[in-house]
Amino acid sequence: MSDKCFVDTNILVYAHDRSAGVKHQRAQMVLERLWDSGQGVLSTQVLQELCINLRRKISHALPVDEVRRLIRDYATWEVVTNTSESVLHALDIELRYKTSFWDALILQAAESSGASILYSEDLATGQRYRAVQVVNPLIQPMGTQ
């Protein structure tokens, strides 16, 4: 089993949204652990969604220079690049598991990276998608999953 942990966009957004209360604190704990361990994995989709959410969807939008700095920092993690083959595989995942296409693309990226854990608020915690298990660290304090 891999020690890699794929991080969905919502966890990153909460980690940088100070108005998110407990979710902010828990997301920060996840990211601190991943920074320390070097086990964090993202995808180009996650980085793109993070840019939009931090600039337009949180209550105190971040300036573009700060978002740019964050993206550069996260680019030091393993980043899965979505390709046309990724999209085709995501279509298969969407049909097999009856998920949204965007969630299927996240699952595809997590699986292709070899991650055993997918930190996400969007998918059902505890659900296993082949070798990837979903954990929602926003409802489960770290260390209990």
N, C-alpha and C. Protein backbone atom coordinates (compact mmCIF):
# COMPACT_ATOMS: atom_id res chain seq x y z
N MET A 1 0.85 -1.18 0.00
CA MET A 1 0.00 0.00 0.00
C MET A 1 0.89 1.25 0.00
N SER A 2 0.57 2.19 -0.82
CA SER A 2 1.33 3.42 -0.96
C SER A 2 1.09 4.36 0.22
N ASP A 3 2.08 5.16 0.51
CA ASP A 3 1.93 6.20 1.53
C ASP A 3 1.49 7.52 0.92
N LYS A 4 1.32 7.56 -0.39
CA LYS A 4 0.92 8.80 -1.05
C LYS A 4 -0.53 9.13 -0.72
N CYS A 5 -0.79 10.43 -0.58
CA CYS A 5 -2.15 10.90 -0.29
C CYS A 5 -2.51 11.98 -1.30
N PHE A 6 -3.53 11.73 -2.07
CA PHE A 6 -4.01 12.70 -3.05
C PHE A 6 -4.96 13.66 -2.34
N VAL A 7 -4.81 14.95 -2.64
CA VAL A 7 -5.62 15.97 -1.97
C VAL A 7 -6.55 16.63 -2.98
N ASP A 8 -7.85 16.56 -2.70
CA ASP A 8 -8.87 17.20 -3.54
C ASP A 8 -8.88 18.70 -3.27
N THR A 9 -9.41 19.44 -4.20
CA THR A 9 -9.42 20.90 -4.15
C THR A 9 -10.03 21.44 -2.87
N ASN A 10 -11.15 20.88 -2.44
CA ASN A 10 -11.86 21.44 -1.29
C ASN A 10 -11.01 21.46 -0.03
N ILE A 11 -10.14 20.48 0.15
CA ILE A 11 -9.28 20.45 1.33
C ILE A 11 -8.28 21.61 1.26
N LEU A 12 -7.72 21.84 0.09
CA LEU A 12 -6.79 22.97 -0.08
C LEU A 12 -7.48 24.30 0.13
N VAL A 13 -8.69 24.43 -0.40
CA VAL A 13 -9.42 25.70 -0.24
C VAL A 13 -9.68 25.98 1.23
N TYR A 14 -10.17 25.00 1.97
CA TYR A 14 -10.43 25.20 3.39
C TYR A 14 -9.14 25.55 4.15
N ALA A 15 -8.03 24.97 3.75
CA ALA A 15 -6.77 25.26 4.43
C ALA A 15 -6.36 26.72 4.28
N HIS A 16 -6.82 27.37 3.23
CA HIS A 16 -6.45 28.77 2.98
C HIS A 16 -7.60 29.74 3.22
N ASP A 17 -8.75 29.23 3.62
CA ASP A 17 -9.91 30.08 3.90
C ASP A 17 -10.06 30.21 5.42
N ARG A 18 -9.53 31.28 5.95
CA ARG A 18 -9.52 31.48 7.41
C ARG A 18 -10.92 31.60 8.00
N SER A 19 -11.91 31.88 7.17
CA SER A 19 -13.29 32.00 7.68
C SER A 19 -13.98 30.65 7.80
N ALA A 20 -13.29 29.56 7.48
CA ALA A 20 -13.92 28.23 7.47
C ALA A 20 -13.91 27.53 8.83
N GLY A 21 -13.46 28.19 9.87
CA GLY A 21 -13.55 27.65 11.23
C GLY A 21 -12.84 26.33 11.42
N VAL A 22 -13.57 25.33 11.94
CA VAL A 22 -12.99 24.02 12.23
C VAL A 22 -12.48 23.36 10.96
N LYS A 23 -13.18 23.54 9.85
CA LYS A 23 -12.71 22.96 8.59
C LYS A 23 -11.36 23.53 8.21
N HIS A 24 -11.16 24.81 8.45
CA HIS A 24 -9.87 25.45 8.17
C HIS A 24 -8.77 24.79 9.01
N GLN A 25 -9.04 24.62 10.30
CA GLN A 25 -8.05 24.03 11.20
C GLN A 25 -7.71 22.59 10.80
N ARG A 26 -8.73 21.81 10.51
CA ARG A 26 -8.49 20.40 10.15
C ARG A 26 -7.78 20.28 8.82
N ALA A 27 -8.16 21.11 7.86
CA ALA A 27 -7.48 21.07 6.56
C ALA A 27 -6.02 21.48 6.70
N GLN A 28 -5.76 22.48 7.52
CA GLN A 28 -4.37 22.89 7.76
C GLN A 28 -3.56 21.76 8.38
N MET A 29 -4.16 21.02 9.31
CA MET A 29 -3.46 19.89 9.93
C MET A 29 -3.08 18.85 8.90
N VAL A 30 -4.00 18.56 7.98
CA VAL A 30 -3.72 17.59 6.91
C VAL A 30 -2.54 18.06 6.08
N LEU A 31 -2.59 19.31 5.66
CA LEU A 31 -1.54 19.82 4.79
C LEU A 31 -0.20 19.90 5.50
N GLU A 32 -0.19 20.28 6.76
CA GLU A 32 1.06 20.31 7.51
C GLU A 32 1.70 18.93 7.57
N ARG A 33 0.87 17.92 7.81
CA ARG A 33 1.38 16.54 7.86
C ARG A 33 1.94 16.13 6.50
N LEU A 34 1.25 16.51 5.43
CA LEU A 34 1.71 16.14 4.08
C LEU A 34 2.97 16.90 3.69
N TRP A 35 3.07 18.18 4.09
CA TRP A 35 4.30 18.93 3.83
C TRP A 35 5.47 18.27 4.54
N ASP A 36 5.27 17.87 5.80
CA ASP A 36 6.34 17.26 6.59
C ASP A 36 6.76 15.90 6.04
N SER A 37 5.79 15.12 5.57
CA SER A 37 6.07 13.76 5.12
C SER A 37 6.47 13.69 3.64
N GLY A 38 6.10 14.70 2.86
CA GLY A 38 6.36 14.65 1.42
C GLY A 38 5.45 13.69 0.68
N GLN A 39 4.31 13.33 1.28
CA GLN A 39 3.41 12.34 0.70
C GLN A 39 2.26 12.94 -0.12
N GLY A 40 2.19 14.27 -0.22
CA GLY A 40 1.07 14.90 -0.90
C GLY A 40 1.15 14.81 -2.41
N VAL A 41 -0.01 14.57 -3.01
CA VAL A 41 -0.15 14.50 -4.47
C VAL A 41 -1.34 15.35 -4.88
N LEU A 42 -1.19 16.05 -5.99
CA LEU A 42 -2.26 16.88 -6.56
C LEU A 42 -2.35 16.58 -8.05
N SER A 43 -3.28 17.25 -8.71
CA SER A 43 -3.34 17.15 -10.18
C SER A 43 -3.47 18.56 -10.75
N THR A 44 -3.30 18.64 -12.06
CA THR A 44 -3.48 19.93 -12.72
C THR A 44 -4.89 20.43 -12.51
N GLN A 45 -5.87 19.54 -12.50
CA GLN A 45 -7.26 19.93 -12.24
C GLN A 45 -7.39 20.60 -10.88
N VAL A 46 -6.78 20.02 -9.86
CA VAL A 46 -6.85 20.57 -8.50
C VAL A 46 -6.23 21.96 -8.47
N LEU A 47 -5.08 22.13 -9.09
CA LEU A 47 -4.43 23.44 -9.10
C LEU A 47 -5.28 24.48 -9.82
N GLN A 48 -5.91 24.09 -10.92
CA GLN A 48 -6.78 25.01 -11.66
C GLN A 48 -7.98 25.42 -10.82
N GLU A 49 -8.63 24.44 -10.20
CA GLU A 49 -9.79 24.74 -9.36
C GLU A 49 -9.40 25.59 -8.15
N LEU A 50 -8.22 25.32 -7.60
CA LEU A 50 -7.74 26.10 -6.46
C LEU A 50 -7.60 27.57 -6.83
N CYS A 51 -7.05 27.84 -8.00
CA CYS A 51 -6.90 29.23 -8.46
C CYS A 51 -8.25 29.95 -8.48
N ILE A 52 -9.24 29.34 -9.06
CA ILE A 52 -10.56 29.97 -9.18
C ILE A 52 -11.19 30.16 -7.80
N ASN A 53 -11.16 29.12 -6.99
CA ASN A 53 -11.82 29.19 -5.68
C ASN A 53 -11.18 30.21 -4.75
N LEU A 54 -9.87 30.30 -4.73
CA LEU A 54 -9.21 31.25 -3.83
C LEU A 54 -9.37 32.69 -4.29
N ARG A 55 -9.57 32.89 -5.58
CA ARG A 55 -9.70 34.25 -6.10
C ARG A 55 -11.15 34.72 -6.18
N ARG A 56 -12.12 33.78 -6.22
CA ARG A 56 -13.50 34.20 -6.47
C ARG A 56 -14.55 33.63 -5.54
N LYS A 57 -14.27 32.54 -4.85
CA LYS A 57 -15.36 31.86 -4.16
C LYS A 57 -15.27 31.87 -2.64
N ILE A 58 -14.15 32.26 -2.07
CA ILE A 58 -14.08 32.33 -0.62
C ILE A 58 -14.44 33.74 -0.17
N SER A 59 -14.82 33.87 1.09
CA SER A 59 -15.33 35.16 1.55
C SER A 59 -14.29 36.28 1.49
N HIS A 60 -13.03 35.97 1.69
CA HIS A 60 -11.96 36.97 1.58
C HIS A 60 -11.01 36.50 0.48
N ALA A 61 -11.35 36.83 -0.75
CA ALA A 61 -10.57 36.39 -1.90
C ALA A 61 -9.11 36.79 -1.76
N LEU A 62 -8.24 35.92 -2.23
CA LEU A 62 -6.81 36.19 -2.17
C LEU A 62 -6.36 36.93 -3.42
N PRO A 63 -5.39 37.81 -3.28
CA PRO A 63 -4.85 38.50 -4.46
C PRO A 63 -4.11 37.51 -5.36
N VAL A 64 -4.07 37.82 -6.64
CA VAL A 64 -3.47 36.91 -7.61
C VAL A 64 -2.01 36.60 -7.27
N ASP A 65 -1.26 37.55 -6.74
CA ASP A 65 0.14 37.28 -6.39
C ASP A 65 0.26 36.22 -5.30
N GLU A 66 -0.66 36.25 -4.34
CA GLU A 66 -0.65 35.23 -3.28
C GLU A 66 -1.05 33.87 -3.83
N VAL A 67 -2.03 33.85 -4.71
CA VAL A 67 -2.44 32.59 -5.34
C VAL A 67 -1.29 32.04 -6.18
N ARG A 68 -0.62 32.88 -6.89
CA ARG A 68 0.54 32.47 -7.70
C ARG A 68 1.61 31.83 -6.81
N ARG A 69 1.88 32.44 -5.66
CA ARG A 69 2.88 31.90 -4.73
C ARG A 69 2.45 30.52 -4.22
N LEU A 70 1.17 30.39 -3.87
CA LEU A 70 0.66 29.10 -3.39
C LEU A 70 0.79 28.02 -4.46
N ILE A 71 0.45 28.36 -5.69
CA ILE A 71 0.54 27.38 -6.79
C ILE A 71 1.99 26.95 -6.98
N ARG A 72 2.91 27.89 -6.91
CA ARG A 72 4.34 27.54 -7.02
C ARG A 72 4.75 26.59 -5.89
N ASP A 73 4.27 26.86 -4.68
CA ASP A 73 4.58 25.98 -3.55
C ASP A 73 4.02 24.58 -3.79
N TYR A 74 2.76 24.50 -4.18
CA TYR A 74 2.15 23.19 -4.40
C TYR A 74 2.74 22.47 -5.61
N ALA A 75 3.33 23.20 -6.52
CA ALA A 75 3.97 22.58 -7.69
C ALA A 75 5.20 21.77 -7.29
N THR A 76 5.67 21.93 -6.04
CA THR A 76 6.79 21.12 -5.57
C THR A 76 6.34 19.73 -5.14
N TRP A 77 5.02 19.53 -4.99
CA TRP A 77 4.47 18.21 -4.70
C TRP A 77 4.44 17.42 -6.01
N GLU A 78 4.13 16.15 -5.91
CA GLU A 78 3.89 15.37 -7.12
C GLU A 78 2.58 15.89 -7.73
N VAL A 79 2.63 16.26 -9.00
CA VAL A 79 1.44 16.78 -9.69
C VAL A 79 1.14 15.88 -10.88
N VAL A 80 -0.04 15.30 -10.88
CA VAL A 80 -0.50 14.45 -11.98
C VAL A 80 -1.04 15.36 -13.08
N THR A 81 -0.51 15.20 -14.27
CA THR A 81 -0.96 16.00 -15.41
C THR A 81 -2.07 15.25 -16.13
N ASN A 82 -3.19 15.91 -16.29
CA ASN A 82 -4.30 15.30 -17.02
C ASN A 82 -4.00 15.31 -18.52
N THR A 83 -4.24 14.18 -19.13
CA THR A 83 -4.02 14.01 -20.56
C THR A 83 -5.32 13.53 -21.20
N SER A 84 -5.30 13.35 -22.49
CA SER A 84 -6.50 12.81 -23.16
C SER A 84 -6.79 11.40 -22.65
N GLU A 85 -5.77 10.62 -22.35
CA GLU A 85 -5.98 9.29 -21.79
C GLU A 85 -6.61 9.37 -20.40
N SER A 86 -6.22 10.39 -19.63
CA SER A 86 -6.82 10.60 -18.30
C SER A 86 -8.32 10.82 -18.44
N VAL A 87 -8.69 11.62 -19.41
CA VAL A 87 -10.11 11.94 -19.64
C VAL A 87 -10.87 10.67 -20.03
N LEU A 88 -10.29 9.87 -20.90
CA LEU A 88 -10.95 8.63 -21.31
C LEU A 88 -11.11 7.67 -20.13
N HIS A 89 -10.08 7.56 -19.31
CA HIS A 89 -10.17 6.69 -18.14
C HIS A 89 -11.21 7.23 -17.15
N ALA A 90 -11.26 8.55 -17.00
CA ALA A 90 -12.26 9.16 -16.11
C ALA A 90 -13.68 8.85 -16.58
N LEU A 91 -13.89 8.81 -17.88
CA LEU A 91 -15.22 8.45 -18.39
C LEU A 91 -15.61 7.04 -17.95
N ASP A 92 -14.64 6.11 -17.98
CA ASP A 92 -14.90 4.75 -17.51
C ASP A 92 -15.23 4.73 -16.02
N ILE A 93 -14.49 5.51 -15.23
CA ILE A 93 -14.72 5.58 -13.79
C ILE A 93 -16.09 6.17 -13.51
N GLU A 94 -16.45 7.22 -14.24
CA GLU A 94 -17.76 7.86 -14.08
C GLU A 94 -18.87 6.84 -14.28
N LEU A 95 -18.78 6.05 -15.32
CA LEU A 95 -19.81 5.05 -15.60
C LEU A 95 -19.81 3.93 -14.56
N ARG A 96 -18.63 3.46 -14.21
CA ARG A 96 -18.53 2.33 -13.29
C ARG A 96 -19.06 2.67 -11.90
N TYR A 97 -18.69 3.86 -11.39
CA TYR A 97 -19.04 4.21 -10.02
C TYR A 97 -20.19 5.21 -9.91
N LYS A 98 -20.70 5.64 -11.05
CA LYS A 98 -21.82 6.59 -11.08
C LYS A 98 -21.49 7.87 -10.31
N THR A 99 -20.32 8.43 -10.60
CA THR A 99 -19.89 9.68 -10.01
C THR A 99 -20.02 10.79 -11.05
N SER A 100 -19.79 12.01 -10.63
CA SER A 100 -19.71 13.08 -11.62
C SER A 100 -18.42 12.89 -12.41
N PHE A 101 -18.36 13.47 -13.58
CA PHE A 101 -17.14 13.38 -14.40
C PHE A 101 -15.96 13.99 -13.65
N TRP A 102 -16.18 15.15 -13.00
CA TRP A 102 -15.09 15.86 -12.32
C TRP A 102 -14.54 15.03 -11.16
N ASP A 103 -15.42 14.37 -10.41
CA ASP A 103 -14.96 13.48 -9.35
C ASP A 103 -14.22 12.28 -9.95
N ALA A 104 -14.70 11.78 -11.06
CA ALA A 104 -14.03 10.66 -11.73
C ALA A 104 -12.63 11.04 -12.18
N LEU A 105 -12.46 12.27 -12.63
CA LEU A 105 -11.14 12.74 -13.04
C LEU A 105 -10.20 12.83 -11.84
N ILE A 106 -10.73 13.23 -10.69
CA ILE A 106 -9.94 13.24 -9.44
C ILE A 106 -9.56 11.81 -9.07
N LEU A 107 -10.52 10.90 -9.12
CA LEU A 107 -10.24 9.49 -8.80
C LEU A 107 -9.20 8.92 -9.75
N GLN A 108 -9.30 9.27 -11.02
CA GLN A 108 -8.33 8.78 -12.01
C GLN A 108 -6.94 9.28 -11.66
N ALA A 109 -6.82 10.55 -11.31
CA ALA A 109 -5.51 11.12 -10.98
C ALA A 109 -4.94 10.47 -9.72
N ALA A 110 -5.78 10.28 -8.72
CA ALA A 110 -5.32 9.63 -7.48
C ALA A 110 -4.82 8.22 -7.77
N GLU A 111 -5.60 7.49 -8.54
CA GLU A 111 -5.22 6.12 -8.86
C GLU A 111 -3.94 6.08 -9.69
N SER A 112 -3.84 6.93 -10.67
CA SER A 112 -2.66 6.90 -11.55
C SER A 112 -1.38 7.29 -10.80
N SER A 113 -1.52 8.07 -9.72
CA SER A 113 -0.35 8.46 -8.94
C SER A 113 0.11 7.35 -8.00
N GLY A 114 -0.76 6.39 -7.77
CA GLY A 114 -0.45 5.33 -6.82
C GLY A 114 -0.82 5.69 -5.40
N ALA A 115 -1.61 6.75 -5.22
CA ALA A 115 -2.04 7.14 -3.87
C ALA A 115 -3.00 6.11 -3.30
N SER A 116 -2.88 5.86 -2.01
CA SER A 116 -3.81 4.93 -1.36
C SER A 116 -4.95 5.68 -0.67
N ILE A 117 -4.74 6.97 -0.40
CA ILE A 117 -5.74 7.80 0.28
C ILE A 117 -6.08 8.98 -0.61
N LEU A 118 -7.37 9.30 -0.68
CA LEU A 118 -7.85 10.51 -1.34
C LEU A 118 -8.56 11.34 -0.28
N TYR A 119 -7.95 12.46 0.10
CA TYR A 119 -8.59 13.38 1.03
C TYR A 119 -9.58 14.24 0.27
N SER A 120 -10.86 14.12 0.62
CA SER A 120 -11.91 14.85 -0.09
C SER A 120 -13.12 15.01 0.79
N GLU A 121 -13.82 16.11 0.58
CA GLU A 121 -15.10 16.33 1.23
C GLU A 121 -16.24 15.91 0.31
N ASP A 122 -15.97 15.81 -0.98
CA ASP A 122 -17.01 15.58 -1.98
C ASP A 122 -17.44 14.13 -2.12
N LEU A 123 -16.55 13.20 -1.88
CA LEU A 123 -16.86 11.78 -2.03
C LEU A 123 -17.08 11.17 -0.64
N ALA A 124 -17.80 10.06 -0.60
CA ALA A 124 -18.17 9.44 0.68
C ALA A 124 -16.95 8.89 1.40
N THR A 125 -16.75 9.39 2.62
CA THR A 125 -15.61 8.92 3.40
C THR A 125 -15.74 7.42 3.68
N GLY A 126 -14.62 6.72 3.57
CA GLY A 126 -14.62 5.27 3.74
C GLY A 126 -14.82 4.51 2.45
N GLN A 127 -15.36 5.17 1.44
CA GLN A 127 -15.60 4.51 0.14
C GLN A 127 -14.26 4.16 -0.50
N ARG A 128 -14.18 2.97 -1.05
CA ARG A 128 -12.98 2.53 -1.75
C ARG A 128 -13.28 2.46 -3.24
N TYR A 129 -12.40 3.05 -4.01
CA TYR A 129 -12.46 3.00 -5.47
C TYR A 129 -11.19 2.29 -5.92
N ARG A 130 -11.32 1.01 -6.14
CA ARG A 130 -10.17 0.15 -6.41
C ARG A 130 -9.13 0.31 -5.30
N ALA A 131 -7.93 0.80 -5.59
CA ALA A 131 -6.88 0.89 -4.57
C ALA A 131 -6.92 2.18 -3.76
N VAL A 132 -7.86 3.07 -4.07
CA VAL A 132 -7.92 4.38 -3.43
C VAL A 132 -9.09 4.43 -2.44
N GLN A 133 -8.78 4.82 -1.20
CA GLN A 133 -9.83 4.98 -0.20
C GLN A 133 -10.03 6.46 0.09
N VAL A 134 -11.30 6.87 0.15
CA VAL A 134 -11.64 8.27 0.43
C VAL A 134 -11.67 8.48 1.94
N VAL A 135 -11.04 9.58 2.36
CA VAL A 135 -11.06 10.00 3.76
C VAL A 135 -11.44 11.48 3.77
N ASN A 136 -12.45 11.79 4.57
CA ASN A 136 -12.82 13.20 4.76
C ASN A 136 -12.22 13.66 6.08
N PRO A 137 -11.07 14.33 6.04
CA PRO A 137 -10.41 14.75 7.29
C PRO A 137 -11.12 15.94 7.95
N LEU A 138 -12.13 16.47 7.30
CA LEU A 138 -12.87 17.60 7.88
C LEU A 138 -13.90 17.12 8.90
N ILE A 139 -14.27 15.84 8.82
CA ILE A 139 -15.19 15.27 9.82
C ILE A 139 -14.49 14.31 10.74
N GLN A 140 -13.33 13.83 10.33
CA GLN A 140 -12.54 12.90 11.15
C GLN A 140 -11.24 13.60 11.51
N PRO A 141 -11.02 13.88 12.77
CA PRO A 141 -9.72 14.45 13.14
C PRO A 141 -8.58 13.51 12.70
N MET A 142 -7.46 14.09 12.32
CA MET A 142 -6.32 13.32 11.84
C MET A 142 -5.92 12.27 12.87
N GLY A 143 -5.51 11.11 12.37
CA GLY A 143 -5.07 10.04 13.25
C GLY A 143 -6.17 9.05 13.58
N THR A 144 -7.43 9.35 13.17
CA THR A 144 -8.53 8.43 13.47
C THR A 144 -8.97 7.66 12.25
N GLN A 145 -8.40 7.95 11.06
CA GLN A 145 -8.81 7.19 9.88
C GLN A 145 -7.97 5.98 9.68
